[in-house]
Amino acid sequence: MTFAHLILAAGTSGKAVSSGGSSAWVTPTIVIAVVSLAVSLWTFFLTGRRSRVDRQRQVFADAMDAVMTYREYPFIVFRRNADDLASERRRISADLSELQAKLNGFRGRLKVEDRYVGERFAELLGATRRIAGPMIAEAWNGEPASADENVHNPGFDLTPLNVYDQLYLQAVADHLGLLWAPLRRRLHKRSGKKRQYAA
């Protein structure tokens, strides 16, 4: 039964009451009660959604931050302290192991939060490990930067990961938007086809 039906029913019930003085306030009272209930339910829904969206926004951002931290490790390893290699190896290895566990946790958690966003994050994480992982190994196998003038990027190229970043961020934006996420994705595909035809 819709909200309009409830109001009509309230008006009908008011007419059914005897035409005495009490019927004059029965109908407005019922209508006010129904409107108050509808407003309360809508407020409860909006508050719950806002809380869920804020929580998910933080989780999605933390997951992206962890991926970006992993991409820094080729440079962290390359710039390790050459005067204490054993200590640096233990420190960096422990930090990297902790980060790997956190990334695995995000991969599972995001699939629970939203399947589509979780799949895009899994693709992003897989590509990051596939591309940045060998760079970390290369940095370990090579000599650390021995002077300040040698700490610049030795040639690590992470630009192939940009497309995975965009796919993940677009999935997050669609999920957090007001419009239903599957509909937003369908509109993106349609607009993408139009641009392709226009090119």
N, C-alpha and C. Protein backbone atom coordinates (compact mmCIF):
# COMPACT_ATOMS: atom_id res chain seq x y z
N MET A 1 0.86 -1.19 0.00
CA MET A 1 0.00 0.00 0.00
C MET A 1 0.89 1.24 0.00
N THR A 2 0.64 2.16 -0.93
CA THR A 2 1.46 3.35 -1.05
C THR A 2 1.08 4.39 -0.02
N PHE A 3 1.91 5.44 0.06
CA PHE A 3 1.66 6.52 1.01
C PHE A 3 0.35 7.23 0.69
N ALA A 4 0.05 7.41 -0.62
CA ALA A 4 -1.20 8.07 -1.02
C ALA A 4 -2.40 7.25 -0.60
N HIS A 5 -2.29 5.91 -0.73
CA HIS A 5 -3.38 5.04 -0.31
C HIS A 5 -3.65 5.16 1.19
N LEU A 6 -2.55 5.29 1.97
CA LEU A 6 -2.71 5.43 3.42
C LEU A 6 -3.47 6.70 3.77
N ILE A 7 -3.15 7.78 3.06
CA ILE A 7 -3.83 9.04 3.33
C ILE A 7 -5.31 8.95 2.95
N LEU A 8 -5.58 8.31 1.79
CA LEU A 8 -6.98 8.15 1.37
C LEU A 8 -7.75 7.28 2.36
N ALA A 9 -7.08 6.23 2.83
CA ALA A 9 -7.73 5.37 3.80
C ALA A 9 -8.01 6.12 5.09
N ALA A 10 -7.07 6.98 5.47
CA ALA A 10 -7.28 7.77 6.68
C ALA A 10 -8.48 8.68 6.52
N GLY A 11 -8.61 9.30 5.33
CA GLY A 11 -9.75 10.17 5.09
C GLY A 11 -11.06 9.41 5.09
N THR A 12 -11.08 8.21 4.53
CA THR A 12 -12.29 7.40 4.50
C THR A 12 -12.71 6.98 5.90
N SER A 13 -11.71 6.59 6.69
CA SER A 13 -12.04 6.16 8.05
C SER A 13 -12.60 7.32 8.86
N GLY A 14 -12.12 8.52 8.56
CA GLY A 14 -12.63 9.68 9.27
C GLY A 14 -14.09 9.95 8.93
N LYS A 15 -14.49 9.72 7.67
CA LYS A 15 -15.86 9.92 7.27
C LYS A 15 -16.78 8.87 7.86
N ALA A 16 -16.18 7.67 8.06
CA ALA A 16 -17.00 6.58 8.59
C ALA A 16 -17.38 6.82 10.04
N VAL A 17 -16.60 7.64 10.72
CA VAL A 17 -16.92 7.93 12.11
C VAL A 17 -18.16 8.83 12.13
N SER A 18 -18.88 8.78 13.19
CA SER A 18 -20.10 9.58 13.31
C SER A 18 -19.78 11.03 13.04
N SER A 19 -20.75 11.73 12.49
CA SER A 19 -20.54 13.11 12.08
C SER A 19 -20.54 14.07 13.26
N GLY A 20 -20.32 13.53 14.46
CA GLY A 20 -20.27 14.37 15.66
C GLY A 20 -19.00 15.18 15.70
N GLY A 21 -18.77 15.89 16.76
CA GLY A 21 -17.61 16.76 16.89
C GLY A 21 -16.29 16.01 16.90
N SER A 22 -16.26 14.73 17.34
CA SER A 22 -15.00 14.00 17.43
C SER A 22 -14.41 13.68 16.08
N SER A 23 -15.23 13.57 15.02
CA SER A 23 -14.71 13.21 13.70
C SER A 23 -13.88 14.33 13.10
N ALA A 24 -14.03 15.53 13.58
CA ALA A 24 -13.31 16.67 13.02
C ALA A 24 -11.81 16.57 13.25
N TRP A 25 -11.37 15.89 14.30
CA TRP A 25 -9.94 15.81 14.57
C TRP A 25 -9.37 14.42 14.32
N VAL A 26 -10.21 13.42 14.04
CA VAL A 26 -9.69 12.06 13.82
C VAL A 26 -8.85 11.99 12.56
N THR A 27 -9.39 12.50 11.45
CA THR A 27 -8.67 12.42 10.18
C THR A 27 -7.33 13.15 10.20
N PRO A 28 -7.27 14.41 10.65
CA PRO A 28 -5.95 15.08 10.71
C PRO A 28 -4.96 14.37 11.61
N THR A 29 -5.45 13.79 12.69
CA THR A 29 -4.54 13.09 13.61
C THR A 29 -3.92 11.87 12.93
N ILE A 30 -4.74 11.12 12.21
CA ILE A 30 -4.22 9.93 11.52
C ILE A 30 -3.23 10.34 10.43
N VAL A 31 -3.57 11.37 9.66
CA VAL A 31 -2.68 11.83 8.60
C VAL A 31 -1.35 12.29 9.18
N ILE A 32 -1.38 13.05 10.27
CA ILE A 32 -0.15 13.53 10.90
C ILE A 32 0.69 12.36 11.39
N ALA A 33 0.02 11.33 11.96
CA ALA A 33 0.75 10.16 12.45
C ALA A 33 1.44 9.44 11.30
N VAL A 34 0.71 9.28 10.18
CA VAL A 34 1.27 8.59 9.03
C VAL A 34 2.44 9.37 8.45
N VAL A 35 2.28 10.68 8.32
CA VAL A 35 3.36 11.51 7.79
C VAL A 35 4.58 11.46 8.71
N SER A 36 4.35 11.53 10.00
CA SER A 36 5.47 11.47 10.96
C SER A 36 6.21 10.15 10.86
N LEU A 37 5.44 9.06 10.70
CA LEU A 37 6.08 7.75 10.56
C LEU A 37 6.91 7.69 9.29
N ALA A 38 6.36 8.20 8.19
CA ALA A 38 7.09 8.19 6.92
C ALA A 38 8.37 9.01 7.02
N VAL A 39 8.30 10.18 7.64
CA VAL A 39 9.49 11.03 7.80
C VAL A 39 10.53 10.35 8.67
N SER A 40 10.08 9.70 9.74
CA SER A 40 11.01 9.00 10.64
C SER A 40 11.73 7.87 9.92
N LEU A 41 10.96 7.09 9.14
CA LEU A 41 11.57 5.98 8.41
C LEU A 41 12.56 6.48 7.36
N TRP A 42 12.20 7.55 6.67
CA TRP A 42 13.09 8.11 5.65
C TRP A 42 14.36 8.66 6.28
N THR A 43 14.22 9.33 7.42
CA THR A 43 15.40 9.85 8.12
C THR A 43 16.30 8.72 8.60
N PHE A 44 15.68 7.65 9.11
CA PHE A 44 16.45 6.49 9.55
C PHE A 44 17.20 5.87 8.39
N PHE A 45 16.55 5.78 7.23
CA PHE A 45 17.19 5.22 6.04
C PHE A 45 18.37 6.06 5.60
N LEU A 46 18.19 7.37 5.53
CA LEU A 46 19.25 8.27 5.09
C LEU A 46 20.44 8.25 6.04
N THR A 47 20.14 8.24 7.35
CA THR A 47 21.22 8.20 8.34
C THR A 47 22.03 6.92 8.22
N GLY A 48 21.34 5.79 8.06
CA GLY A 48 22.03 4.52 7.91
C GLY A 48 22.86 4.46 6.66
N ARG A 49 22.31 4.98 5.56
CA ARG A 49 23.06 4.98 4.29
C ARG A 49 24.28 5.87 4.39
N ARG A 50 24.11 7.06 4.99
CA ARG A 50 25.24 7.98 5.12
C ARG A 50 26.37 7.35 5.95
N SER A 51 25.99 6.66 7.02
CA SER A 51 26.99 6.01 7.87
C SER A 51 27.71 4.90 7.10
N ARG A 52 26.95 4.12 6.34
CA ARG A 52 27.56 3.03 5.57
C ARG A 52 28.47 3.58 4.48
N VAL A 53 28.03 4.63 3.78
CA VAL A 53 28.84 5.21 2.72
C VAL A 53 30.14 5.80 3.28
N ASP A 54 30.06 6.49 4.42
CA ASP A 54 31.27 7.05 5.04
C ASP A 54 32.25 5.95 5.42
N ARG A 55 31.72 4.86 5.98
CA ARG A 55 32.61 3.75 6.36
C ARG A 55 33.25 3.12 5.13
N GLN A 56 32.47 2.88 4.08
CA GLN A 56 33.01 2.26 2.88
C GLN A 56 34.00 3.18 2.18
N ARG A 57 33.72 4.47 2.18
CA ARG A 57 34.65 5.41 1.55
C ARG A 57 36.02 5.33 2.21
N GLN A 58 36.04 5.20 3.53
CA GLN A 58 37.31 5.10 4.25
C GLN A 58 38.01 3.79 3.94
N VAL A 59 37.25 2.69 3.87
CA VAL A 59 37.84 1.38 3.57
C VAL A 59 38.43 1.38 2.16
N PHE A 60 37.69 1.90 1.19
CA PHE A 60 38.17 1.93 -0.19
C PHE A 60 39.43 2.79 -0.31
N ALA A 61 39.45 3.92 0.40
CA ALA A 61 40.63 4.80 0.37
C ALA A 61 41.83 4.13 1.03
N ASP A 62 41.62 3.45 2.15
CA ASP A 62 42.72 2.77 2.84
C ASP A 62 43.31 1.66 1.96
N ALA A 63 42.45 0.97 1.22
CA ALA A 63 42.93 -0.09 0.33
C ALA A 63 43.81 0.48 -0.77
N MET A 64 43.38 1.60 -1.34
CA MET A 64 44.18 2.24 -2.39
C MET A 64 45.50 2.75 -1.82
N ASP A 65 45.47 3.28 -0.62
CA ASP A 65 46.68 3.77 0.03
C ASP A 65 47.68 2.64 0.25
N ALA A 66 47.17 1.46 0.62
CA ALA A 66 48.06 0.31 0.84
C ALA A 66 48.71 -0.13 -0.47
N VAL A 67 47.97 -0.10 -1.56
CA VAL A 67 48.53 -0.45 -2.86
C VAL A 67 49.63 0.53 -3.25
N MET A 68 49.37 1.82 -3.04
CA MET A 68 50.37 2.82 -3.38
C MET A 68 51.62 2.68 -2.52
N THR A 69 51.44 2.29 -1.26
CA THR A 69 52.59 2.05 -0.40
C THR A 69 53.43 0.89 -0.92
N TYR A 70 52.78 -0.17 -1.40
CA TYR A 70 53.52 -1.30 -1.97
C TYR A 70 54.36 -0.87 -3.17
N ARG A 71 53.83 0.04 -3.95
CA ARG A 71 54.56 0.49 -5.14
C ARG A 71 55.80 1.30 -4.80
N GLU A 72 55.89 1.75 -3.57
CA GLU A 72 57.07 2.51 -3.14
C GLU A 72 58.24 1.61 -2.78
N TYR A 73 57.98 0.32 -2.62
CA TYR A 73 59.04 -0.56 -2.12
C TYR A 73 60.20 -0.77 -3.07
N PRO A 74 60.03 -0.74 -4.39
CA PRO A 74 61.25 -0.77 -5.22
C PRO A 74 62.21 0.37 -4.88
N PHE A 75 61.66 1.54 -4.59
CA PHE A 75 62.48 2.69 -4.26
C PHE A 75 63.01 2.59 -2.82
N ILE A 76 62.18 2.07 -1.91
CA ILE A 76 62.62 1.91 -0.52
C ILE A 76 63.80 0.94 -0.45
N VAL A 77 63.69 -0.16 -1.17
CA VAL A 77 64.78 -1.16 -1.18
C VAL A 77 66.03 -0.57 -1.85
N PHE A 78 65.82 0.12 -2.95
CA PHE A 78 66.95 0.72 -3.67
C PHE A 78 67.69 1.74 -2.81
N ARG A 79 66.94 2.46 -1.97
CA ARG A 79 67.54 3.52 -1.16
C ARG A 79 67.88 3.07 0.26
N ARG A 80 67.92 1.76 0.50
CA ARG A 80 68.22 1.25 1.84
C ARG A 80 69.63 1.67 2.26
N ASN A 81 69.83 1.68 3.57
CA ASN A 81 71.09 2.12 4.14
C ASN A 81 72.20 1.12 3.83
N ALA A 82 73.16 1.55 3.03
CA ALA A 82 74.25 0.66 2.63
C ALA A 82 75.21 0.37 3.77
N ASP A 83 75.15 1.16 4.84
CA ASP A 83 76.09 0.97 5.96
C ASP A 83 75.62 -0.11 6.93
N ASP A 84 74.36 -0.55 6.82
CA ASP A 84 73.84 -1.58 7.73
C ASP A 84 72.84 -2.44 6.97
N LEU A 85 73.34 -3.21 6.03
CA LEU A 85 72.48 -3.96 5.12
C LEU A 85 71.67 -5.03 5.83
N ALA A 86 72.25 -5.68 6.82
CA ALA A 86 71.55 -6.75 7.53
C ALA A 86 70.33 -6.19 8.28
N SER A 87 70.54 -5.09 8.98
CA SER A 87 69.44 -4.47 9.72
C SER A 87 68.37 -3.96 8.76
N GLU A 88 68.78 -3.36 7.66
CA GLU A 88 67.83 -2.86 6.66
C GLU A 88 67.02 -4.00 6.05
N ARG A 89 67.68 -5.12 5.80
CA ARG A 89 66.98 -6.27 5.23
C ARG A 89 65.89 -6.76 6.17
N ARG A 90 66.19 -6.84 7.47
CA ARG A 90 65.20 -7.28 8.45
C ARG A 90 64.06 -6.27 8.55
N ARG A 91 64.40 -4.99 8.61
CA ARG A 91 63.38 -3.96 8.77
C ARG A 91 62.44 -3.91 7.57
N ILE A 92 63.00 -3.84 6.38
CA ILE A 92 62.18 -3.71 5.18
C ILE A 92 61.37 -4.98 4.94
N SER A 93 61.98 -6.12 5.17
CA SER A 93 61.26 -7.39 4.97
C SER A 93 60.07 -7.51 5.92
N ALA A 94 60.26 -7.10 7.17
CA ALA A 94 59.16 -7.16 8.15
C ALA A 94 58.04 -6.21 7.75
N ASP A 95 58.40 -4.99 7.36
CA ASP A 95 57.38 -4.02 6.94
C ASP A 95 56.63 -4.50 5.70
N LEU A 96 57.36 -5.06 4.76
CA LEU A 96 56.73 -5.53 3.52
C LEU A 96 55.83 -6.72 3.78
N SER A 97 56.25 -7.60 4.68
CA SER A 97 55.40 -8.75 5.03
C SER A 97 54.10 -8.30 5.68
N GLU A 98 54.19 -7.32 6.57
CA GLU A 98 52.99 -6.78 7.21
C GLU A 98 52.07 -6.12 6.18
N LEU A 99 52.66 -5.41 5.23
CA LEU A 99 51.87 -4.77 4.19
C LEU A 99 51.18 -5.80 3.30
N GLN A 100 51.89 -6.87 2.98
CA GLN A 100 51.29 -7.92 2.14
C GLN A 100 50.07 -8.54 2.83
N ALA A 101 50.17 -8.76 4.12
CA ALA A 101 49.03 -9.30 4.87
C ALA A 101 47.85 -8.32 4.85
N LYS A 102 48.16 -7.03 4.98
CA LYS A 102 47.10 -6.01 4.95
C LYS A 102 46.43 -5.98 3.58
N LEU A 103 47.21 -6.10 2.51
CA LEU A 103 46.66 -6.11 1.16
C LEU A 103 45.75 -7.31 0.94
N ASN A 104 46.17 -8.46 1.44
CA ASN A 104 45.33 -9.65 1.31
C ASN A 104 44.02 -9.48 2.08
N GLY A 105 44.11 -8.83 3.24
CA GLY A 105 42.90 -8.56 4.01
C GLY A 105 41.95 -7.63 3.27
N PHE A 106 42.49 -6.59 2.65
CA PHE A 106 41.65 -5.68 1.87
C PHE A 106 41.01 -6.39 0.68
N ARG A 107 41.75 -7.29 0.07
CA ARG A 107 41.19 -8.01 -1.09
C ARG A 107 39.95 -8.79 -0.71
N GLY A 108 39.98 -9.43 0.45
CA GLY A 108 38.80 -10.16 0.91
C GLY A 108 37.70 -9.24 1.41
N ARG A 109 38.07 -8.21 2.13
CA ARG A 109 37.07 -7.32 2.72
C ARG A 109 36.29 -6.55 1.66
N LEU A 110 36.99 -6.11 0.62
CA LEU A 110 36.30 -5.33 -0.40
C LEU A 110 35.31 -6.18 -1.20
N LYS A 111 35.59 -7.46 -1.34
CA LYS A 111 34.63 -8.34 -2.01
C LYS A 111 33.37 -8.51 -1.17
N VAL A 112 33.52 -8.41 0.14
CA VAL A 112 32.35 -8.47 1.02
C VAL A 112 31.57 -7.16 0.96
N GLU A 113 32.29 -6.04 0.92
CA GLU A 113 31.63 -4.74 0.87
C GLU A 113 30.84 -4.59 -0.43
N ASP A 114 31.47 -4.93 -1.56
CA ASP A 114 30.79 -4.87 -2.85
C ASP A 114 31.56 -5.75 -3.83
N ARG A 115 30.86 -6.67 -4.46
CA ARG A 115 31.52 -7.66 -5.32
C ARG A 115 32.26 -6.99 -6.47
N TYR A 116 31.61 -6.03 -7.14
CA TYR A 116 32.23 -5.41 -8.31
C TYR A 116 33.47 -4.60 -7.92
N VAL A 117 33.37 -3.80 -6.86
CA VAL A 117 34.53 -3.04 -6.39
C VAL A 117 35.63 -3.99 -5.96
N GLY A 118 35.26 -5.08 -5.28
CA GLY A 118 36.25 -6.05 -4.85
C GLY A 118 36.98 -6.70 -6.01
N GLU A 119 36.27 -6.97 -7.10
CA GLU A 119 36.91 -7.56 -8.28
C GLU A 119 37.90 -6.59 -8.92
N ARG A 120 37.51 -5.30 -8.98
CA ARG A 120 38.42 -4.32 -9.56
C ARG A 120 39.65 -4.15 -8.68
N PHE A 121 39.48 -4.23 -7.35
CA PHE A 121 40.64 -4.12 -6.46
C PHE A 121 41.54 -5.34 -6.62
N ALA A 122 40.94 -6.52 -6.76
CA ALA A 122 41.75 -7.72 -6.96
C ALA A 122 42.58 -7.61 -8.24
N GLU A 123 41.98 -7.06 -9.29
CA GLU A 123 42.73 -6.86 -10.54
C GLU A 123 43.85 -5.84 -10.33
N LEU A 124 43.55 -4.76 -9.61
CA LEU A 124 44.55 -3.74 -9.33
C LEU A 124 45.70 -4.31 -8.51
N LEU A 125 45.37 -5.07 -7.48
CA LEU A 125 46.40 -5.66 -6.63
C LEU A 125 47.24 -6.68 -7.40
N GLY A 126 46.58 -7.52 -8.20
CA GLY A 126 47.31 -8.51 -8.98
C GLY A 126 48.28 -7.86 -9.96
N ALA A 127 47.82 -6.81 -10.64
CA ALA A 127 48.69 -6.13 -11.59
C ALA A 127 49.84 -5.43 -10.87
N THR A 128 49.56 -4.86 -9.71
CA THR A 128 50.62 -4.17 -8.95
C THR A 128 51.70 -5.15 -8.52
N ARG A 129 51.29 -6.31 -8.04
CA ARG A 129 52.28 -7.30 -7.63
C ARG A 129 53.03 -7.85 -8.84
N ARG A 130 52.34 -8.00 -9.94
CA ARG A 130 52.96 -8.55 -11.15
C ARG A 130 54.00 -7.59 -11.73
N ILE A 131 53.76 -6.29 -11.62
CA ILE A 131 54.66 -5.30 -12.21
C ILE A 131 55.68 -4.78 -11.20
N ALA A 132 55.21 -4.44 -9.99
CA ALA A 132 56.13 -3.88 -8.99
C ALA A 132 56.94 -4.95 -8.27
N GLY A 133 56.40 -6.17 -8.17
CA GLY A 133 57.11 -7.24 -7.48
C GLY A 133 58.49 -7.51 -8.05
N PRO A 134 58.62 -7.72 -9.37
CA PRO A 134 59.95 -7.92 -9.94
C PRO A 134 60.89 -6.73 -9.74
N MET A 135 60.32 -5.53 -9.67
CA MET A 135 61.15 -4.35 -9.42
C MET A 135 61.73 -4.39 -8.02
N ILE A 136 60.94 -4.87 -7.06
CA ILE A 136 61.45 -5.01 -5.69
C ILE A 136 62.58 -6.03 -5.66
N ALA A 137 62.38 -7.16 -6.36
CA ALA A 137 63.43 -8.18 -6.41
C ALA A 137 64.69 -7.62 -7.09
N GLU A 138 64.50 -6.86 -8.14
CA GLU A 138 65.64 -6.27 -8.84
C GLU A 138 66.40 -5.31 -7.92
N ALA A 139 65.65 -4.55 -7.10
CA ALA A 139 66.30 -3.62 -6.17
C ALA A 139 67.09 -4.37 -5.11
N TRP A 140 66.53 -5.50 -4.64
CA TRP A 140 67.26 -6.31 -3.65
C TRP A 140 68.54 -6.88 -4.26
N ASN A 141 68.47 -7.31 -5.49
CA ASN A 141 69.63 -7.94 -6.13
C ASN A 141 70.70 -6.93 -6.52
N GLY A 142 70.30 -5.67 -6.67
CA GLY A 142 71.27 -4.65 -7.06
C GLY A 142 71.90 -3.98 -5.85
N GLU A 143 72.83 -3.12 -6.14
CA GLU A 143 73.49 -2.37 -5.09
C GLU A 143 72.61 -1.21 -4.64
N PRO A 144 72.59 -0.93 -3.33
CA PRO A 144 71.80 0.23 -2.87
C PRO A 144 72.42 1.54 -3.32
N ALA A 145 71.61 2.58 -3.32
CA ALA A 145 72.12 3.90 -3.70
C ALA A 145 73.22 4.30 -2.72
N SER A 146 74.35 4.63 -3.26
CA SER A 146 75.52 4.88 -2.40
C SER A 146 75.70 6.35 -2.06
N ALA A 147 74.99 7.24 -2.76
CA ALA A 147 75.15 8.68 -2.51
C ALA A 147 73.84 9.38 -2.81
N ASP A 148 73.73 10.60 -2.31
CA ASP A 148 72.49 11.36 -2.49
C ASP A 148 72.15 11.55 -3.96
N GLU A 149 73.16 11.73 -4.79
CA GLU A 149 72.89 11.98 -6.20
C GLU A 149 72.43 10.72 -6.94
N ASN A 150 72.46 9.57 -6.24
CA ASN A 150 72.06 8.32 -6.88
C ASN A 150 70.69 7.81 -6.44
N VAL A 151 69.98 8.61 -5.64
CA VAL A 151 68.72 8.12 -5.09
C VAL A 151 67.54 8.33 -6.03
N HIS A 152 67.76 8.95 -7.16
CA HIS A 152 66.67 9.17 -8.10
C HIS A 152 66.21 7.85 -8.72
N ASN A 153 65.03 7.88 -9.32
CA ASN A 153 64.46 6.68 -9.93
C ASN A 153 65.46 6.03 -10.88
N PRO A 154 65.85 4.78 -10.62
CA PRO A 154 66.83 4.13 -11.49
C PRO A 154 66.23 3.61 -12.79
N GLY A 155 64.93 3.84 -13.00
CA GLY A 155 64.30 3.38 -14.24
C GLY A 155 63.05 2.55 -14.03
N PHE A 156 62.54 2.51 -12.82
CA PHE A 156 61.30 1.77 -12.55
C PHE A 156 60.12 2.49 -13.20
N ASP A 157 59.34 1.77 -13.99
CA ASP A 157 58.21 2.36 -14.70
C ASP A 157 56.91 1.71 -14.23
N LEU A 158 56.09 2.47 -13.52
CA LEU A 158 54.82 1.96 -13.00
C LEU A 158 53.62 2.49 -13.77
N THR A 159 53.86 3.19 -14.88
CA THR A 159 52.74 3.77 -15.62
C THR A 159 51.76 2.74 -16.19
N PRO A 160 52.16 1.49 -16.48
CA PRO A 160 51.15 0.52 -16.94
C PRO A 160 50.04 0.25 -15.93
N LEU A 161 50.26 0.65 -14.68
CA LEU A 161 49.25 0.43 -13.65
C LEU A 161 48.17 1.51 -13.64
N ASN A 162 48.36 2.57 -14.40
CA ASN A 162 47.40 3.68 -14.38
C ASN A 162 46.00 3.24 -14.76
N VAL A 163 45.90 2.36 -15.74
CA VAL A 163 44.58 1.93 -16.21
C VAL A 163 43.85 1.16 -15.11
N TYR A 164 44.58 0.38 -14.32
CA TYR A 164 43.96 -0.36 -13.21
C TYR A 164 43.52 0.59 -12.10
N ASP A 165 44.32 1.65 -11.89
CA ASP A 165 43.92 2.67 -10.92
C ASP A 165 42.58 3.28 -11.31
N GLN A 166 42.47 3.66 -12.59
CA GLN A 166 41.26 4.31 -13.06
C GLN A 166 40.04 3.40 -12.97
N LEU A 167 40.21 2.13 -13.30
CA LEU A 167 39.09 1.19 -13.23
C LEU A 167 38.60 1.02 -11.79
N TYR A 168 39.54 0.93 -10.87
CA TYR A 168 39.16 0.78 -9.46
C TYR A 168 38.48 2.04 -8.94
N LEU A 169 39.06 3.20 -9.22
CA LEU A 169 38.50 4.45 -8.72
C LEU A 169 37.13 4.72 -9.34
N GLN A 170 36.94 4.34 -10.61
CA GLN A 170 35.63 4.51 -11.23
C GLN A 170 34.60 3.60 -10.58
N ALA A 171 35.00 2.37 -10.26
CA ALA A 171 34.10 1.44 -9.58
C ALA A 171 33.70 1.98 -8.21
N VAL A 172 34.65 2.56 -7.49
CA VAL A 172 34.35 3.14 -6.18
C VAL A 172 33.40 4.32 -6.31
N ALA A 173 33.66 5.19 -7.30
CA ALA A 173 32.79 6.36 -7.50
C ALA A 173 31.37 5.93 -7.85
N ASP A 174 31.25 4.90 -8.69
CA ASP A 174 29.92 4.40 -9.05
C ASP A 174 29.19 3.83 -7.84
N HIS A 175 29.94 3.11 -7.02
CA HIS A 175 29.32 2.47 -5.85
C HIS A 175 28.86 3.50 -4.83
N LEU A 176 29.62 4.56 -4.64
CA LEU A 176 29.30 5.56 -3.63
C LEU A 176 28.33 6.63 -4.14
N GLY A 177 28.07 6.66 -5.43
CA GLY A 177 27.19 7.67 -6.00
C GLY A 177 25.74 7.44 -5.62
N LEU A 178 24.92 8.47 -5.84
CA LEU A 178 23.50 8.38 -5.51
C LEU A 178 22.76 7.48 -6.49
N LEU A 179 23.20 7.47 -7.75
CA LEU A 179 22.55 6.63 -8.75
C LEU A 179 22.98 5.18 -8.57
N TRP A 180 22.07 4.26 -8.82
CA TRP A 180 22.34 2.82 -8.67
C TRP A 180 23.58 2.45 -9.46
N ALA A 181 24.54 1.78 -8.80
CA ALA A 181 25.86 1.53 -9.40
C ALA A 181 25.79 0.78 -10.73
N PRO A 182 25.02 -0.32 -10.86
CA PRO A 182 24.97 -1.01 -12.16
C PRO A 182 24.47 -0.11 -13.28
N LEU A 183 23.53 0.78 -12.97
CA LEU A 183 23.03 1.71 -13.99
C LEU A 183 24.12 2.70 -14.38
N ARG A 184 24.87 3.19 -13.41
CA ARG A 184 25.97 4.11 -13.71
C ARG A 184 27.01 3.44 -14.60
N ARG A 185 27.32 2.16 -14.31
CA ARG A 185 28.31 1.45 -15.14
C ARG A 185 27.79 1.27 -16.56
N ARG A 186 26.50 1.00 -16.69
CA ARG A 186 25.91 0.85 -18.02
C ARG A 186 26.00 2.16 -18.80
N LEU A 187 25.76 3.27 -18.11
CA LEU A 187 25.86 4.57 -18.77
C LEU A 187 27.29 4.87 -19.19
N HIS A 188 28.28 4.46 -18.36
CA HIS A 188 29.69 4.66 -18.73
C HIS A 188 30.02 3.89 -20.00
N LYS A 189 29.56 2.64 -20.08
CA LYS A 189 29.85 1.83 -21.26
C LYS A 189 29.21 2.44 -22.50
N ARG A 190 27.98 2.93 -22.35
CA ARG A 190 27.30 3.51 -23.49
C ARG A 190 28.00 4.78 -23.96
N SER A 191 28.40 5.64 -23.00
CA SER A 191 29.10 6.87 -23.38
C SER A 191 30.47 6.55 -23.97
N GLY A 192 31.11 5.48 -23.50
CA GLY A 192 32.39 5.06 -24.06
C GLY A 192 32.26 4.60 -25.49
N LYS A 193 31.18 3.88 -25.80
CA LYS A 193 30.95 3.44 -27.17
C LYS A 193 30.69 4.63 -28.08
N LYS A 194 29.96 5.62 -27.59
CA LYS A 194 29.69 6.81 -28.39
C LYS A 194 30.99 7.53 -28.72
N ARG A 195 31.88 7.65 -27.73
CA ARG A 195 33.17 8.30 -27.99
C ARG A 195 33.99 7.51 -29.00
N GLN A 196 33.89 6.18 -28.92
CA GLN A 196 34.64 5.33 -29.83
C GLN A 196 34.14 5.51 -31.27
N TYR A 197 32.82 5.59 -31.43
CA TYR A 197 32.25 5.77 -32.75
C TYR A 197 32.58 7.16 -33.32
N ALA A 198 32.64 8.13 -32.41
CA ALA A 198 32.90 9.49 -32.86
C ALA A 198 34.36 9.70 -33.28
N ALA A 199 35.24 8.86 -32.75
CA ALA A 199 36.67 9.02 -33.05
C ALA A 199 37.00 8.65 -34.48
